[in-house]
C-alpha atoms as a PDB file:
ATOM      1  CA  HIS A   1      -0.178  -0.207  -4.993  1.00  0.00           C
ATOM      2  CA  LEU A   2      -3.416   2.095  -5.070  1.00  0.00           C
ATOM      3  CA  VAL A   3      -2.774   5.434  -3.751  1.00  0.00           C
ATOM      4  CA  PRO A   4      -0.120   6.441  -6.710  1.00  0.00           C
ATOM      5  CA  GLN A   5      -3.197   5.027  -9.240  1.00  0.00           C
ATOM      6  CA  ILE A   6      -5.285   7.977  -7.275  1.00  0.00           C
ATOM      7  CA  SER A   7      -2.241  10.168  -7.195  1.00  0.00           C
ATOM      8  CA  LYS A   8      -2.061  10.100 -11.239  1.00  0.00           C
ATOM      9  CA  GLN A   9      -5.645  10.411 -11.177  1.00  0.00           C
ATOM     10  CA  TYR A  10      -5.506  14.102 -10.443  1.00  0.00           C
ATOM     11  CA  ASN A  11      -1.836  15.421 -10.422  1.00  0.00           C
ATOM     12  CA  PRO A  12      -0.378  17.798 -11.668  1.00  0.00           C
ATOM     13  CA  ILE A  13      -2.749  20.201  -9.541  1.00  0.00           C
ATOM     14  CA  LYS A  14      -2.906  23.454 -11.893  1.00  0.00           C
ATOM     15  CA  LEU A  15      -3.041  26.977  -9.895  1.00  0.00           C
ATOM     16  CA  ASN A  16      -3.827  29.949 -11.560  1.00  0.00           C
ATOM     17  CA  TYR A  17      -2.537  33.540  -9.916  1.00  0.00           C
ATOM     18  CA  ILE A  18      -3.024  36.737 -11.975  1.00  0.00           C
ATOM     19  CA  SER A  19      -1.288  39.120  -9.488  1.00  0.00           C
ATOM     20  CA  PRO A  20      -2.338  42.108  -8.233  1.00  0.00           C
ATOM     21  CA  ASP A  21       0.293  44.835  -8.420  1.00  0.00           C
ATOM     22  CA  ASN A  22       0.324  43.761 -12.432  1.00  0.00           C
ATOM     23  CA  ASN A  23      -2.812  42.965 -14.458  1.00  0.00           C
ATOM     24  CA  ASN A  24      -0.442  41.730 -17.067  1.00  0.00           C
ATOM     25  CA  ILE A  25       1.414  39.133 -15.342  1.00  0.00           C
ATOM     26  CA  GLN A  26      -0.369  35.226 -14.341  1.00  0.00           C
ATOM     27  CA  TYR A  27       1.401  33.118 -13.122  1.00  0.00           C
ATOM     28  CA  VAL A  28       1.174  29.172 -13.742  1.00  0.00           C
ATOM     29  CA  VAL A  29       1.790  26.841 -10.727  1.00  0.00           C
ATOM     30  CA  PHE A  30       2.116  22.723 -11.262  1.00  0.00           C
ATOM     31  CA  VAL A  31       2.085  20.648  -8.194  1.00  0.00           C
ATOM     32  CA  ASN A  32       2.589  17.302  -8.584  1.00  0.00           C
ATOM     33  CA  PHE A  33       3.412  14.586  -5.769  1.00  0.00           C
ATOM     34  CA  ASP A  34       5.290  11.770  -6.420  1.00  0.00           C
ATOM     35  CA  ASN A  35       7.775   8.751  -5.031  1.00  0.00           C
ATOM     36  CA  TYR A  36       5.372   7.586  -2.201  1.00  0.00           C
ATOM     37  CA  ARG A  37       7.224   5.369   0.243  1.00  0.00           C
ATOM     38  CA  ILE A  38       6.282   3.402   3.826  1.00  0.00           C
ATOM     39  CA  GLU A  39       8.968   3.163   5.875  1.00  0.00           C
ATOM     40  CA  LYS A  40       9.264   0.711   9.030  1.00  0.00           C
ATOM     41  CA  PRO A  41       7.819   1.622  12.544  1.00  0.00           C
ATOM     42  CA  ILE A  42       9.105   3.330  14.354  1.00  0.00           C
ATOM     43  CA  ILE A  43       9.106   5.349  18.170  1.00  0.00           C
ATOM     44  CA  HIS A  44      10.607   8.393  18.659  1.00  0.00           C
ATOM     45  CA  GLU A  45      11.094   8.496  22.368  1.00  0.00           C
ATOM     46  CA  ASN A  46      11.680  11.534  24.631  1.00  0.00           C
ATOM     47  CA  ASN A  47      15.125  11.811  24.908  1.00  0.00           C
ATOM     48  CA  GLY A  48      15.011  12.553  21.253  1.00  0.00           C
ATOM     49  CA  SER A  49      16.240   8.789  20.431  1.00  0.00           C
ATOM     50  CA  THR A  50      14.452   6.206  17.909  1.00  0.00           C
ATOM     51  CA  LYS A  51      13.870   2.865  17.910  1.00  0.00           C
ATOM     52  CA  PHE A  52      12.429   0.414  15.509  1.00  0.00           C
ATOM     53  CA  MET A  53       7.990  -0.231  16.652  1.00  0.00           C
ATOM     54  CA  THR A  54       7.424  -3.826  17.067  1.00  0.00           C
ATOM     55  CA  PRO A  55       3.738  -5.118  17.639  1.00  0.00           C
ATOM     56  CA  ASN A  56       4.177  -5.921  21.665  1.00  0.00           C
ATOM     57  CA  ASP A  57       5.693  -2.079  22.226  1.00  0.00           C
ATOM     58  CA  ALA A  58       2.705  -0.828  20.777  1.00  0.00           C
ATOM     59  CA  ARG A  59       0.705  -2.972  23.079  1.00  0.00           C
ATOM     60  CA  LYS A  60       2.585  -2.240  25.832  1.00  0.00           C
ATOM     61  CA  ARG A  61       2.899   1.586  25.616  1.00  0.00           C
ATOM     62  CA  ASN A  62      -0.327   2.085  23.983  1.00  0.00           C
ATOM     63  CA  LEU A  63       1.111   3.124  21.062  1.00  0.00           C
ATOM     64  CA  THR A  64      -0.335   2.963  17.789  1.00  0.00           C
ATOM     65  CA  TYR A  65       1.358   0.343  15.410  1.00  0.00           C
ATOM     66  CA  SER A  66       2.261   2.866  12.331  1.00  0.00           C
ATOM     67  CA  SER A  67       4.031   3.427   9.623  1.00  0.00           C
ATOM     68  CA  PRO A  68       5.298   7.108   8.628  1.00  0.00           C
ATOM     69  CA  PHE A  69       4.486   8.247   4.874  1.00  0.00           C
ATOM     70  CA  TYR A  70       6.320  10.377   2.599  1.00  0.00           C
ATOM     71  CA  LEU A  71       6.200  11.507   0.097  1.00  0.00           C
ATOM     72  CA  ASP A  72       7.808  14.006  -2.858  1.00  0.00           C
ATOM     73  CA  VAL A  73       6.011  17.121  -3.828  1.00  0.00           C
ATOM     74  CA  ILE A  74       7.546  18.819  -7.500  1.00  0.00           C
ATOM     75  CA  VAL A  75       6.133  22.983  -7.880  1.00  0.00           C
ATOM     76  CA  ASN A  76       6.670  23.881 -11.590  1.00  0.00           C
ATOM     77  CA  THR A  77       6.144  27.539 -11.802  1.00  0.00           C
ATOM     78  CA  ILE A  78       5.463  29.138 -14.465  1.00  0.00           C
ATOM     79  CA  LYS A  79       5.898  33.129 -15.084  1.00  0.00           C
ATOM     80  CA  LYS A  80       3.501  34.621 -17.916  1.00  0.00           C
ATOM     81  CA  ASP A  81       2.877  38.202 -19.381  1.00  0.00           C
ATOM     82  CA  ILE A  82      -0.901  38.005 -20.253  1.00  0.00           C
ATOM     83  CA  SER A  83      -0.835  41.691 -22.554  1.00  0.00           C
ATOM     84  CA  LYS A  84       2.126  39.704 -24.810  1.00  0.00           C
ATOM     85  CA  ASN A  85       1.781  35.887 -24.481  1.00  0.00           C
ATOM     86  CA  LYS A  86       5.264  35.492 -23.644  1.00  0.00           C
ATOM     87  CA  ILE A  87       6.604  33.094 -20.640  1.00  0.00           C
ATOM     88  CA  ILE A  88       8.472  35.266 -18.507  1.00  0.00           C
ATOM     89  CA  GLU A  89       9.844  32.802 -15.988  1.00  0.00           C
ATOM     90  CA  ASN A  90      10.234  28.937 -15.558  1.00  0.00           C
ATOM     91  CA  LYS A  91      11.383  27.157 -12.578  1.00  0.00           C
ATOM     92  CA  ALA A  92      10.870  24.179 -11.389  1.00  0.00           C
ATOM     93  CA  SER A  93      11.849  22.455  -7.642  1.00  0.00           C
ATOM     94  CA  GLN A  94      11.546  19.732  -5.395  1.00  0.00           C
ATOM     95  CA  ILE A  95      10.667  19.191  -2.300  1.00  0.00           C
ATOM     96  CA  SER A  96      11.428  15.471  -1.083  1.00  0.00           C
ATOM     97  CA  LYS A  97      10.880  13.479   1.750  1.00  0.00           C
ATOM     98  CA  ILE A  98       7.653  15.355   3.334  1.00  0.00           C
ATOM     99  CA  SER A  99       6.166  13.938   6.421  1.00  0.00           C
ATOM    100  CA  PHE A 100       2.922  13.209   4.544  1.00  0.00           C
ATOM    101  CA  GLY A 101       1.230  11.066   7.736  1.00  0.00           C
ATOM    102  CA  ASN A 102       1.844   8.061   9.467  1.00  0.00           C
ATOM    103  CA  ILE A 103      -0.511   4.921   8.347  1.00  0.00           C
ATOM    104  CA  PRO A 104      -1.168   1.530  10.274  1.00  0.00           C
ATOM    105  CA  ILE A 105       0.156  -0.607   9.502  1.00  0.00           C
ATOM    106  CA  MET A 106      -1.209  -4.404   9.592  1.00  0.00           C
ATOM    107  CA  VAL A 107       0.078  -7.266  11.855  1.00  0.00           C
ATOM    108  CA  LYS A 108       2.116 -10.132   9.520  1.00  0.00           C
ATOM    109  CA  SER A 109       1.726  -7.546   6.157  1.00  0.00           C
ATOM    110  CA  ASN A 110       4.483  -6.958   3.985  1.00  0.00           C
ATOM    111  CA  SER A 111       4.923  -3.642   5.344  1.00  0.00           C
ATOM    112  CA  CYS A 112       5.397  -4.825   9.433  1.00  0.00           C
ATOM    113  CA  ILE A 113       8.557  -5.202  10.776  1.00  0.00           C
ATOM    114  CA  LEU A 114       8.230  -9.268  12.038  1.00  0.00           C
ATOM    115  CA  LYS A 115       7.799 -10.067   8.275  1.00  0.00           C
ATOM    116  CA  THR A 116      10.715  -9.192   7.146  1.00  0.00           C
ATOM    117  CA  ASP A 117      13.300  -9.440  10.151  1.00  0.00           C
ATOM    118  CA  GLU A 118      16.058  -7.236   8.468  1.00  0.00           C
ATOM    119  CA  THR A 119      16.369  -5.387  11.702  1.00  0.00           C
ATOM    120  CA  ASN A 120      17.051  -8.325  13.964  1.00  0.00           C
ATOM    121  CA  ILE A 121      15.029  -8.037  16.433  1.00  0.00           C
ATOM    122  CA  THR A 122      14.449 -11.261  18.628  1.00  0.00           C
ATOM    123  CA  GLN A 123      10.807 -12.363  18.544  1.00  0.00           C
ATOM    124  CA  ASP A 124      10.326 -13.453  21.824  1.00  0.00           C
ATOM    125  CA  ASP A 125       7.809 -11.635  23.255  1.00  0.00           C
ATOM    126  CA  GLU A 126       5.637 -12.492  19.803  1.00  0.00           C
ATOM    127  CA  CYS A 127       3.690 -15.594  19.950  1.00  0.00           C
ATOM    128  CA  LYS A 128       4.888 -17.893  17.171  1.00  0.00           C
ATOM    129  CA  TYR A 129       1.520 -18.850  16.199  1.00  0.00           C
ATOM    130  CA  ASP A 130       0.307 -15.297  15.580  1.00  0.00           C
ATOM    131  CA  GLY A 131      -0.848 -14.868  12.053  1.00  0.00           C
ATOM    132  CA  GLY A 132      -1.334 -11.471  11.812  1.00  0.00           C
ATOM    133  CA  GLY A 133      -3.896  -9.918   9.990  1.00  0.00           C
ATOM    134  CA  TYR A 134      -5.055  -7.232  12.693  1.00  0.00           C
ATOM    135  CA  PHE A 135      -4.272  -3.858  13.401  1.00  0.00           C
ATOM    136  CA  ILE A 136      -2.869  -2.396  16.785  1.00  0.00           C
ATOM    137  CA  ILE A 137      -4.738   0.878  17.611  1.00  0.00           C
ATOM    138  CA  ASN A 138      -4.392   2.823  20.854  1.00  0.00           C
ATOM    139  CA  GLY A 139      -2.732  -0.650  22.175  1.00  0.00           C
ATOM    140  CA  SER A 140      -5.669  -2.409  21.624  1.00  0.00           C
ATOM    141  CA  GLU A 141      -6.059  -5.426  19.200  1.00  0.00           C
ATOM    142  CA  LYS A 142      -8.421  -4.208  15.985  1.00  0.00           C
ATOM    143  CA  VAL A 143      -9.720  -6.637  13.679  1.00  0.00           C
ATOM    144  CA  ILE A 144     -11.874  -5.294  10.117  1.00  0.00           C
ATOM    145  CA  VAL A 145     -14.777  -7.426   9.704  1.00  0.00           C
ATOM    146  CA  SER A 146     -16.829  -7.719   7.003  1.00  0.00           C
ATOM    147  CA  GLN A 147     -20.900  -7.743   7.174  1.00  0.00           C
ATOM    148  CA  GLU A 148     -23.685  -8.223   4.812  1.00  0.00           C
ATOM    149  CA  ARG A 149     -26.202  -5.574   5.165  1.00  0.00           C
ATOM    150  CA  THR A 150     -29.477  -5.440   2.841  1.00  0.00           C
ATOM    151  CA  CYS A 151     -30.442  -2.815   0.464  1.00  0.00           C
ATOM    152  CA  ALA A 152     -31.910   0.108   1.778  1.00  0.00           C
ATOM    153  CA  ASN A 153     -35.483   1.513   1.213  1.00  0.00           C
ATOM    154  CA  LYS A 154     -36.668  -1.237   0.281  1.00  0.00           C
ATOM    155  CA  VAL A 155     -39.213  -3.070   1.149  1.00  0.00           C
ATOM    156  CA  PHE A 156     -39.059  -7.170   1.463  1.00  0.00           C
ATOM    157  CA  CYS A 157     -41.951  -9.841   2.895  1.00  0.00           C
ATOM    158  CA  PHE A 158     -40.715 -13.396   4.153  1.00  0.00           C
ATOM    159  CA  LYS A 159     -43.323 -16.001   4.846  1.00  0.00           C
ATOM    160  CA  LYS A 160     -43.464 -17.211   8.453  1.00  0.00           C
ATOM    161  CA  LYS A 161     -43.894 -20.391   8.688  1.00  0.00           C
ATOM    162  CA  ASN A 162     -46.400 -21.736  11.738  1.00  0.00           C
ATOM    163  CA  VAL A 163     -47.781 -18.408  12.555  1.00  0.00           C
ATOM    164  CA  LYS A 164     -51.085 -18.394  14.266  1.00  0.00           C
ATOM    165  CA  TYR A 165     -52.885 -14.475  14.039  1.00  0.00           C
ATOM    166  CA  LYS A 166     -55.309 -14.198  16.579  1.00  0.00           C
ATOM    167  CA  GLU A 167     -58.152 -11.755  15.698  1.00  0.00           C
ATOM    168  CA  ILE A 168     -59.000  -8.757  17.083  1.00  0.00           C
END
């Protein structure tokens, strides 16, 4: 939910370019990112086939349990004549389903394959008492642990109880 909100703050990205050949021509390019989607985790086998990845597959094969992240890019190009302040050409194009990378998936989250058993994957290898809430990175289970820290660059003074001081 947060990625589209962050993207809306910076969309569209505006690029200005003046043609070196003809100084009267200016190009204005608007780049807009839209339609974000995360698909189910998949494994690309060496023989070219793909299959859905389970957390147990990631553990056994030292893989990261992650899903591909796709988006669409919409590019709008405007060609202007600066001297006449007139738009010569206006082109819009869309590039669909661009791979933007992989995002690690938390086990038993909404994006996890075990949460929605749409693919009829048997959960024989998974523990039925596993509550999830962790990530699998390179085959190892990783947990995010919150830590409380005191403020940096502040002096804290505490009274110690039952401390005897010696004179030097």
